[in-house]
Protein backbone atom coordinates (compact mmCIF):
# COMPACT_ATOMS: atom_id res chain seq x y z
CA MET A 1 0.26 19.58 -10.46
CA LEU A 2 2.13 22.51 -8.93
CA GLY A 3 -1.22 23.88 -7.79
CA ILE A 4 -1.95 20.62 -5.97
CA PHE A 5 1.43 20.77 -4.25
CA MET A 6 0.86 24.38 -3.14
CA PHE A 7 -2.62 23.48 -1.89
CA LEU A 8 -1.24 20.57 0.14
CA PHE A 9 1.54 22.76 1.53
CA MET A 10 -0.92 25.45 2.59
CA LEU A 11 -3.24 22.82 4.06
CA SER A 12 -0.40 21.46 6.19
CA LEU A 13 0.31 24.96 7.49
CA CYS A 14 -3.39 25.60 8.18
CA THR A 15 -3.87 22.48 10.30
CA PHE A 16 -3.09 24.53 13.41
CA VAL A 17 -5.90 27.02 12.74
CA CYS A 18 -8.45 25.07 10.65
CA SER A 19 -10.97 22.63 12.02
CA TRP A 20 -10.86 18.86 11.55
CA GLU A 21 -13.77 19.04 9.09
CA VAL A 22 -12.09 21.69 6.93
CA ILE A 23 -8.91 19.62 6.63
CA GLN A 24 -10.90 16.52 5.72
CA PHE A 25 -12.86 18.45 3.09
CA GLY A 26 -9.58 19.77 1.65
CA LEU A 27 -8.16 16.25 1.38
CA PHE A 28 -11.28 14.97 -0.39
CA PHE A 29 -11.06 17.93 -2.76
CA VAL A 30 -7.47 17.01 -3.64
CA SER A 31 -8.59 13.38 -4.13
CA PHE A 32 -11.17 14.32 -6.75
CA LEU A 33 -8.70 16.72 -8.36
CA SER A 34 -6.15 13.91 -8.68
CA LEU A 35 -8.72 11.81 -10.58
CA LEU A 36 -8.82 14.53 -13.23
CA PHE A 37 -5.06 14.20 -13.65
CA ILE A 38 -5.36 10.42 -14.12
CA TYR A 39 -7.79 10.81 -17.01
CA ARG A 40 -6.33 14.01 -18.46
CA PHE A 41 -2.61 13.12 -18.46
CA SER A 42 -2.25 9.43 -19.26
CA GLY A 43 1.21 9.90 -20.84
CA PHE A 44 4.31 11.45 -19.38
CA ASN A 45 4.09 15.14 -18.52
CA CYS A 46 6.80 17.38 -17.09
CA PHE A 47 5.35 20.26 -15.07
CA SER A 48 8.68 21.74 -13.91
CA LEU A 49 12.36 20.88 -13.72
CA MET A 50 11.72 18.69 -10.67
CA LEU A 51 8.07 17.57 -10.89
CA GLY A 52 6.25 15.47 -13.44
CA GLY A 53 5.06 11.94 -14.00
CA ASP A 54 2.92 9.53 -15.93
CA LEU A 55 -0.13 7.38 -15.22
CA LEU A 56 1.83 5.37 -12.65
CA SER A 57 2.60 8.51 -10.64
CA TYR A 58 -0.89 9.97 -10.89
CA SER A 59 -2.62 6.69 -10.00
CA LEU A 60 -0.57 6.12 -6.85
CA PHE A 61 -0.85 9.77 -5.85
CA GLY A 62 -4.63 9.60 -6.27
CA LEU A 63 -4.65 6.46 -4.10
CA SER A 64 -2.57 8.30 -1.47
CA CYS A 65 -4.99 11.23 -1.41
CA TRP A 66 -7.99 8.96 -1.02
CA ILE A 67 -6.42 6.84 1.74
CA CYS A 68 -5.25 9.93 3.68
CA SER A 69 -8.76 11.38 3.44
CA LEU A 70 -10.21 8.18 4.87
CA MET A 71 -7.55 8.08 7.59
CA LEU A 72 -9.06 11.15 9.22
CA MET A 73 -12.54 9.66 8.97
CA ALA A 74 -11.36 6.38 10.53
CA SER A 75 -9.54 8.22 13.34
CA TYR A 76 -12.63 10.04 14.61
CA LYS A 77 -11.87 8.97 18.18
CA VAL A 78 -8.73 11.12 18.09
CA TYR A 79 -10.98 14.10 17.34
CA LYS A 80 -13.70 13.06 19.78
CA ASN A 81 -11.31 12.54 22.70
CA ASN A 82 -9.16 15.53 21.70
CA ASN A 83 -6.11 13.28 21.69
CA GLU A 84 -3.68 15.79 20.13
CA LYS A 85 -5.97 16.10 17.11
CA VAL A 86 -4.09 19.09 15.65
CA LYS A 87 -0.77 17.27 15.62
CA PHE A 88 -2.42 14.15 14.25
CA SER A 89 -4.04 15.97 11.32
CA PHE A 90 -0.75 17.75 10.64
CA LEU A 91 1.07 14.41 10.40
CA VAL A 92 -1.57 13.06 7.99
CA VAL A 93 -1.24 16.06 5.65
CA LEU A 94 2.56 16.06 6.00
CA SER A 95 2.74 12.40 5.01
CA LEU A 96 0.61 13.20 1.94
CA VAL A 97 3.00 16.03 0.98
CA PHE A 98 5.96 13.64 1.14
CA LEU A 99 4.03 11.01 -0.83
CA PHE A 100 3.25 13.61 -3.49
CA LEU A 101 6.94 14.47 -3.80
CA SER A 102 7.90 10.78 -3.89
CA PHE A 103 5.50 9.88 -6.69
CA CYS A 104 5.92 13.04 -8.79
CA CYS A 105 9.60 13.99 -8.54
CA LEU A 106 11.88 13.35 -11.51
CA ASP A 107 15.30 13.20 -9.84
CA LEU A 108 16.51 10.08 -8.04
CA LEU A 109 18.15 12.04 -5.20
CA PHE A 110 15.00 14.09 -4.64
CA PHE A 111 13.04 10.84 -4.72
CA TYR A 112 15.32 9.29 -2.09
CA VAL A 113 14.84 12.23 0.30
CA SER A 114 11.04 12.13 -0.09
CA PHE A 115 11.03 8.32 0.03
CA GLU A 116 12.72 8.32 3.44
CA SER A 117 10.85 11.35 4.78
CA VAL A 118 7.52 9.50 4.58
CA LEU A 119 8.76 7.25 7.40
CA ILE A 120 8.91 10.15 9.88
CA PRO A 121 5.13 10.93 10.09
CA THR A 122 4.37 7.20 10.09
CA LEU A 123 6.82 6.60 12.93
CA LEU A 124 5.32 9.46 14.96
CA MET A 125 1.80 8.07 14.41
CA ILE A 126 2.84 4.64 15.67
CA ILE A 127 4.68 6.00 18.70
CA GLY A 128 2.22 8.76 19.59
CA TRP A 129 -1.15 7.10 18.96
CA GLY A 130 -0.43 3.37 19.12
CA GLY A 131 -2.30 1.49 21.81
CA GLN A 132 0.27 -1.10 22.87
CA PRO A 133 3.42 -0.69 25.03
CA GLU A 134 5.57 -2.32 22.31
CA ARG A 135 4.83 0.48 19.82
CA LEU A 136 8.20 2.18 20.40
CA GLN A 137 10.07 -1.03 19.63
CA ALA A 138 7.95 -1.64 16.51
CA GLY A 139 8.43 1.93 15.27
CA ILE A 140 12.19 1.91 15.71
CA TYR A 141 12.36 -1.55 14.15
CA MET A 142 10.47 -0.30 11.08
CA LEU A 143 12.59 2.85 10.80
CA PHE A 144 16.02 1.24 10.97
CA TYR A 145 15.06 -1.83 8.95
CA THR A 146 13.99 0.31 5.99
CA LEU A 147 16.54 3.08 6.48
CA CYS A 148 19.58 0.80 6.60
CA ALA A 149 18.41 -1.06 3.50
CA SER A 150 18.14 2.20 1.54
CA LEU A 151 21.64 3.48 2.31
CA PRO A 152 23.20 1.49 -0.59
CA PHE A 153 20.60 3.14 -2.84
CA LEU A 154 21.98 6.56 -1.82
CA VAL A 155 25.50 5.40 -2.70
CA GLY A 156 24.23 4.28 -6.11
CA ILE A 157 22.62 7.68 -6.75
CA PHE A 158 25.90 9.45 -6.01
CA SER A 159 27.71 7.10 -8.38
CA LEU A 160 25.21 7.98 -11.11
CA TYR A 161 25.85 11.67 -10.54
CA GLY A 162 29.58 11.04 -10.81
CA CYS A 163 29.31 9.00 -14.03
CA GLU A 164 26.45 10.69 -15.90
CA GLY A 165 26.22 14.12 -14.27
CA SER A 166 22.49 13.64 -13.71
CA ALA A 167 20.06 11.28 -12.00
CA VAL A 168 16.82 12.30 -13.70
CA PHE A 169 14.68 9.27 -14.61
CA TYR A 170 13.89 10.09 -18.19
CA TYR A 171 17.30 11.55 -19.05
CA LEU A 172 18.95 8.27 -18.06
CA GLU A 173 16.31 6.30 -19.98
CA LEU A 174 16.74 8.34 -23.17
CA LYS A 175 20.52 8.06 -22.90
CA GLY A 176 20.24 4.29 -22.55
CA VAL A 177 22.28 3.98 -19.36
CA SER A 178 22.77 0.34 -18.36
CA MET A 179 24.40 -0.98 -15.18
CA GLY A 180 25.70 -4.36 -13.98
CA TRP A 181 24.66 -6.91 -11.42
CA PHE A 182 26.43 -5.27 -8.46
CA TRP A 183 24.54 -2.02 -8.93
CA PHE A 184 21.35 -4.02 -9.37
CA PHE A 185 21.51 -5.12 -5.73
CA VAL A 186 22.56 -1.64 -4.61
CA PHE A 187 19.54 0.01 -6.24
CA VAL A 188 16.87 -2.64 -5.77
CA VAL A 189 17.30 -3.87 -2.17
CA ALA A 190 15.72 -0.68 -0.72
CA PHE A 191 12.54 -1.27 -2.71
CA LEU A 192 12.44 -4.99 -1.93
CA VAL A 193 12.39 -4.14 1.79
CA LYS A 194 9.70 -1.50 1.34
CA LEU A 195 7.55 -3.72 -0.93
CA PRO A 196 8.19 -5.98 1.15
CA MET A 197 9.59 -9.12 -0.43
CA PHE A 198 9.54 -12.35 1.58
CA LEU A 199 12.68 -12.60 3.79
CA PHE A 200 12.65 -8.77 4.09
CA HIS A 201 9.12 -8.55 5.49
CA LEU A 202 9.72 -9.00 9.22
CA TRP A 203 9.18 -5.32 10.07
CA LEU A 204 5.71 -5.14 8.52
CA PRO A 205 3.51 -7.39 10.74
CA LYS A 206 4.95 -5.91 13.93
CA ALA A 207 4.41 -2.35 12.69
CA HIS A 208 0.81 -3.17 11.71
CA VAL A 209 -0.03 -4.77 15.04
CA GLU A 210 1.28 -1.83 17.07
CA ALA A 211 0.07 0.99 14.80
CA PRO A 212 -3.22 2.88 15.22
CA ILE A 213 -5.83 2.54 12.50
CA ALA A 214 -4.42 5.50 10.55
CA GLY A 215 -0.92 4.01 10.68
CA SER A 216 -2.16 0.64 9.44
CA MET A 217 -4.11 2.29 6.61
CA VAL A 218 -1.17 4.34 5.36
CA LEU A 219 1.21 1.37 5.70
CA ALA A 220 -0.95 -1.10 3.79
CA GLY A 221 -2.60 1.38 1.44
CA VAL A 222 0.31 3.55 0.34
CA LEU A 223 3.76 2.88 1.83
CA LEU A 224 4.02 -0.64 0.41
CA LYS A 225 3.32 0.86 -3.03
CA LEU A 226 6.45 3.01 -2.74
CA GLY A 227 8.48 -0.17 -3.14
CA GLY A 228 6.65 -1.15 -6.32
CA TYR A 229 6.91 2.40 -7.67
CA GLY A 230 10.67 2.44 -7.07
CA LEU A 231 11.07 -0.89 -8.89
CA PHE A 232 9.21 0.53 -11.90
CA ARG A 233 11.54 3.54 -11.96
CA VAL A 234 14.92 1.80 -11.65
CA LEU A 235 14.49 -1.59 -13.31
CA TRP A 236 14.94 -0.20 -16.83
CA LEU A 237 18.53 0.59 -15.83
CA PHE A 238 19.06 -3.18 -15.59
CA GLN A 239 16.92 -4.54 -18.42
CA SER A 240 19.57 -6.89 -19.80
CA PHE A 241 20.43 -8.23 -16.33
CA VAL A 242 16.77 -8.72 -15.36
CA LYS A 243 15.98 -10.58 -18.58
CA SER A 244 18.90 -12.98 -18.10
CA GLN A 245 19.21 -13.32 -14.30
CA GLY A 246 15.98 -11.93 -12.81
CA GLY A 247 14.24 -15.29 -12.57
CA TRP A 248 15.40 -15.91 -9.03
CA LEU A 249 13.54 -12.79 -7.84
CA VAL A 250 10.36 -14.04 -9.52
CA SER A 251 10.86 -17.37 -7.74
CA VAL A 252 11.41 -15.73 -4.36
CA GLY A 253 8.31 -13.58 -4.84
CA LEU A 254 6.04 -16.50 -5.71
CA ILE A 255 7.45 -19.00 -3.20
CA GLY A 256 7.52 -16.30 -0.52
CA GLY A 257 3.87 -15.52 -1.23
CA LEU A 258 3.12 -19.22 -0.81
CA PHE A 259 4.95 -19.38 2.52
CA THR A 260 3.15 -16.31 3.86
CA SER A 261 -0.14 -17.96 2.86
CA PHE A 262 0.79 -20.86 5.11
CA ILE A 263 1.59 -18.37 7.89
CA CYS A 264 -1.81 -16.71 7.41
CA MET A 265 -3.58 -20.01 7.98
CA ARG A 266 -1.99 -20.31 11.43
CA GLN A 267 -2.59 -16.75 12.65
CA VAL A 268 -4.77 -15.97 15.66
CA ASP A 269 -4.28 -12.18 15.54
CA LEU A 270 -6.64 -10.46 13.09
CA LYS A 271 -4.36 -7.56 12.12
CA SER A 272 -1.38 -9.87 11.78
CA LEU A 273 -3.35 -12.09 9.38
CA ILE A 274 -4.22 -9.09 7.17
CA ALA A 275 -0.60 -7.90 7.27
CA TYR A 276 0.80 -11.27 6.18
CA SER A 277 -1.75 -11.46 3.36
CA SER A 278 -0.32 -8.16 2.09
CA VAL A 279 3.11 -9.78 1.84
CA GLY A 280 1.64 -12.57 -0.27
CA HIS A 281 -0.05 -10.17 -2.68
CA MET A 282 3.09 -8.08 -3.04
CA GLY A 283 5.02 -11.25 -3.92
CA ILE A 284 2.82 -11.66 -7.01
CA VAL A 285 3.35 -7.97 -7.83
CA LEU A 286 7.12 -8.46 -7.62
CA GLY A 287 6.92 -11.41 -10.02
CA GLY A 288 4.86 -9.41 -12.52
CA VAL A 289 7.19 -6.40 -12.44
CA MET A 290 10.28 -8.57 -12.95
CA THR A 291 8.85 -10.00 -16.18
CA LEU A 292 9.11 -6.49 -17.71
CA SER A 293 6.08 -7.21 -19.90
CA SER A 294 3.13 -4.93 -20.56
CA TRP A 295 0.69 -7.41 -19.00
CA GLY A 296 2.90 -7.86 -15.94
CA CYS A 297 3.53 -4.17 -15.29
CA GLY A 298 -0.07 -3.17 -16.04
CA GLY A 299 -1.41 -5.91 -13.78
CA ALA A 300 1.05 -4.94 -11.04
CA LEU A 301 -0.19 -1.34 -11.09
CA LEU A 302 -3.80 -2.52 -11.07
CA LEU A 303 -3.23 -4.89 -8.16
CA MET A 304 -1.32 -2.27 -6.16
CA VAL A 305 -4.24 0.17 -6.39
CA ALA A 306 -6.79 -2.57 -5.64
CA HIS A 307 -4.80 -3.98 -2.72
CA GLY A 308 -4.38 -0.50 -1.25
CA LEU A 309 -8.15 -0.08 -1.06
CA CYS A 310 -9.00 -3.65 -0.01
CA SER A 311 -6.40 -4.05 2.74
CA SER A 312 -7.19 -0.59 4.12
CA ALA A 313 -10.87 -1.58 4.35
CA LEU A 314 -9.99 -4.81 6.14
CA PHE A 315 -7.96 -2.88 8.72
CA CYS A 316 -10.93 -0.54 9.18
CA LEU A 317 -13.18 -3.53 9.85
CA ALA A 318 -10.66 -4.91 12.32
CA ASN A 319 -10.56 -1.52 14.06
CA VAL A 320 -14.38 -1.35 14.29
CA VAL A 321 -14.35 -4.66 16.16
CA TYR A 322 -11.31 -3.75 18.29
CA GLU A 323 -12.91 -0.51 19.49
CA ARG A 324 -15.83 -2.56 20.91
CA PHE A 325 -14.08 -5.65 22.27
CA PHE A 326 -10.48 -4.43 22.81
CA SER A 327 -9.15 -7.67 21.35
CA ARG A 328 -7.83 -8.88 18.00
CA SER A 329 -7.94 -12.60 18.83
CA LEU A 330 -9.91 -14.68 16.34
CA VAL A 331 -10.98 -16.94 19.20
CA LEU A 332 -12.58 -14.13 21.19
CA LEU A 333 -14.07 -12.39 18.14
CA SER A 334 -16.08 -15.38 16.91
CA GLY A 335 -19.82 -15.07 16.35
CA MET A 336 -19.78 -11.43 15.22
CA MET A 337 -22.72 -12.11 12.89
CA SER A 338 -25.03 -12.45 15.90
CA VAL A 339 -23.68 -9.25 17.46
CA PHE A 340 -23.29 -7.05 14.34
CA PRO A 341 -25.48 -8.60 11.62
CA SER A 342 -25.29 -5.42 9.53
CA LEU A 343 -21.48 -5.65 9.49
CA ALA A 344 -21.37 -9.25 8.24
CA LEU A 345 -22.03 -8.20 4.63
CA TRP A 346 -19.05 -5.86 4.67
CA TRP A 347 -16.80 -8.56 6.09
CA PHE A 348 -17.94 -10.93 3.37
CA LEU A 349 -17.44 -8.41 0.54
CA PHE A 350 -13.91 -7.41 1.48
CA CYS A 351 -12.85 -10.96 2.35
CA VAL A 352 -13.92 -12.24 -1.08
CA PHE A 353 -12.36 -9.20 -2.78
CA ASN A 354 -9.14 -10.01 -0.91
CA MET A 355 -9.15 -13.40 -2.66
CA ALA A 356 -9.78 -11.68 -6.05
CA ALA A 357 -13.48 -12.30 -6.62
CA PRO A 358 -15.35 -10.43 -9.38
CA PRO A 359 -16.12 -7.62 -10.04
CA SER A 360 -13.25 -6.10 -8.07
CA MET A 361 -9.99 -4.73 -9.50
CA ASN A 362 -8.11 -7.48 -7.66
CA LEU A 363 -9.45 -10.09 -10.08
CA PHE A 364 -8.33 -8.33 -13.23
CA GLY A 365 -4.97 -7.42 -11.71
CA GLU A 366 -4.26 -11.02 -10.72
CA ILE A 367 -5.42 -12.34 -14.11
CA SER A 368 -3.00 -9.97 -15.86
CA LEU A 369 -0.17 -10.99 -13.56
CA MET A 370 -0.90 -14.69 -14.06
CA VAL A 371 -0.92 -14.27 -17.84
CA SER A 372 2.46 -12.51 -17.74
CA LEU A 373 4.02 -15.06 -15.37
CA VAL A 374 2.75 -18.09 -17.30
CA GLY A 375 4.04 -16.49 -20.49
CA TRP A 376 7.40 -16.01 -18.79
CA SER A 377 7.56 -19.65 -17.68
CA GLU A 378 4.96 -22.41 -17.70
CA TRP A 379 6.43 -23.80 -14.46
CA THR A 380 4.84 -20.91 -12.55
CA VAL A 381 1.38 -22.47 -13.09
CA VAL A 382 1.78 -24.78 -10.08
CA CYS A 383 2.79 -21.99 -7.70
CA LEU A 384 0.14 -19.60 -9.00
CA GLY A 385 -2.57 -22.23 -8.62
CA MET A 386 -1.56 -22.93 -5.03
CA LEU A 387 -1.37 -19.19 -4.29
CA SER A 388 -4.92 -18.68 -5.57
CA PHE A 389 -6.23 -21.63 -3.56
CA PHE A 390 -4.59 -20.66 -0.28
CA SER A 391 -5.54 -17.01 -0.75
CA ALA A 392 -9.17 -18.11 -0.92
CA TYR A 393 -8.59 -20.42 2.05
CA TYR A 394 -7.27 -17.83 4.51
CA SER A 395 -9.72 -15.15 3.31
CA LEU A 396 -12.69 -17.44 3.97
CA PHE A 397 -11.02 -18.60 7.18
CA MET A 398 -10.89 -14.98 8.36
CA PHE A 399 -14.56 -14.47 7.51
CA SER A 400 -15.79 -17.70 9.12
CA SER A 401 -13.63 -17.25 12.24
CA THR A 402 -14.98 -13.79 12.92
CA GLN A 403 -18.62 -14.22 11.85
CA HIS A 404 -19.57 -17.78 12.81
CA GLY A 405 -19.30 -19.72 16.02
CA LYS A 406 -20.22 -18.93 19.60
CA SER A 407 -20.18 -15.26 20.54
CA TRP A 408 -18.44 -14.17 23.74
CA ALA A 409 -20.27 -10.82 23.81
CA VAL A 410 -22.24 -11.06 27.05
CA PHE A 411 -22.52 -7.32 27.66
CA CYS A 412 -24.13 -4.37 25.92
CA ILE A 413 -21.84 -2.75 23.37
CA GLU A 414 -22.07 0.25 21.07
CA GLY A 415 -23.53 -0.41 17.62
CA VAL A 416 -21.94 0.43 14.30
CA ASN A 417 -22.62 4.05 13.39
CA PHE A 418 -23.17 5.84 10.09
CA ARG A 419 -19.59 7.16 9.87
CA GLU A 420 -18.17 3.64 9.89
CA PHE A 421 -20.57 2.43 7.23
CA LEU A 422 -19.68 5.46 5.08
CA LEU A 423 -15.99 4.73 5.59
CA LEU A 424 -16.43 1.18 4.29
CA LEU A 425 -18.58 2.38 1.38
CA LEU A 426 -15.87 4.85 0.32
CA HIS A 427 -13.46 1.92 0.11
CA LEU A 428 -15.90 -0.24 -1.81
CA VAL A 429 -17.01 2.23 -4.50
CA PRO A 430 -13.62 2.93 -6.16
CA LEU A 431 -12.60 -0.72 -5.77
CA ASN A 432 -15.46 -1.74 -8.07
CA LEU A 433 -16.03 1.31 -10.27
CA LEU A 434 -12.45 1.73 -11.50
CA ILE A 435 -12.76 -1.50 -13.49
CA LEU A 436 -14.83 0.46 -16.03
CA ASN A 437 -11.56 1.86 -17.44
CA LEU A 438 -9.27 -1.15 -17.16
CA ASP A 439 -7.57 -0.39 -20.48
CA LEU A 440 -6.23 2.84 -19.01
CA TRP A 441 -4.17 0.91 -16.45
CA LEU A 442 -3.37 -2.24 -18.41
CA TYR A 443 -1.79 -0.58 -21.45
CA TRP A 444 0.11 2.33 -19.95
CA PHE A 445 3.50 0.56 -19.86
């Protein structure tokens, strides 16, 4: 683990002298190395006084490595047009370094610093490489929305230091530290905004719409998972409170996911539709985590990894179309099947995986979450049934709106190249092959 950190640190320093291809090869190497950690260290391991983790940490770090590797592949136009490619690759590697520290640090204060530092490379990507004039407003909106919500979390960490003399995860867990309802809101609100929970989600669609493809991939694929990871790490401080009073958060997560499904059905912007669908999926994750059951937490981890791959692939598909037509309107992008027949299969695959069709990880993650939520309360059956139906509705609506109908392409456009097909394939393969070891993720809690 320390070797991976040193390799990432050296890679970030070498971005100014190494080529784009060397950096991408280094990121893929770290991705395959992280898979070895997932299968080798399934329990908790402490590698130093500050770094360590368990399967949750290694899984999300492996997802981060894979998404950051694909970010460079998706952003080939930055390299081709020499649009500050050195600075761009440096920001990608720097964001991965901060993600590594966030997922693998053991101290809450160290986690807070890394947790907030990830926003800086993402903000610079949106401002520096975004294509719309509103990107500055969207970036500042994202920064202050998440930063202000996490300031109470910093106050809570200092209070822990004052009371216990330490803020290390596993020391507090072994000691059996328990805190009341006031501190529950202080600690949890930062992660609810980052997740994001419905009512705290307003920064996400705007950031997605204004971000370049790399910014959208890291936002949907990794940064939303920081909220779920933080909930896993702090909720055991409030086990008694969550078991007695946590039902309202489950209700907000499920009902909020239902409302965002309604919003998805009325969207005309392709990236905005994908962004709002992420809010709906994270609402189910929030409900599963708040049950504090093995099925709920295992399914939440499984769905977070699956959603990171699936939503990133959907943003890549949206970017492939945007680079040809310079529009994200579903009205203008109709009839893509007649223009790009080879791309229609990929649209169909990722749209049906977005609605949890077999054999993707999304299906098994949602089944686990539904089992945990129905076991928590049988009244959730109605909401879960409607969520599943409307998820299928807006996923098929996205596919039919883009692929069928009259095409407005009346001019010669560039075809889909091998790099873009390879990019989609590298999203598809882990999304379907990781189900071969479902027990590893479902029974880690």
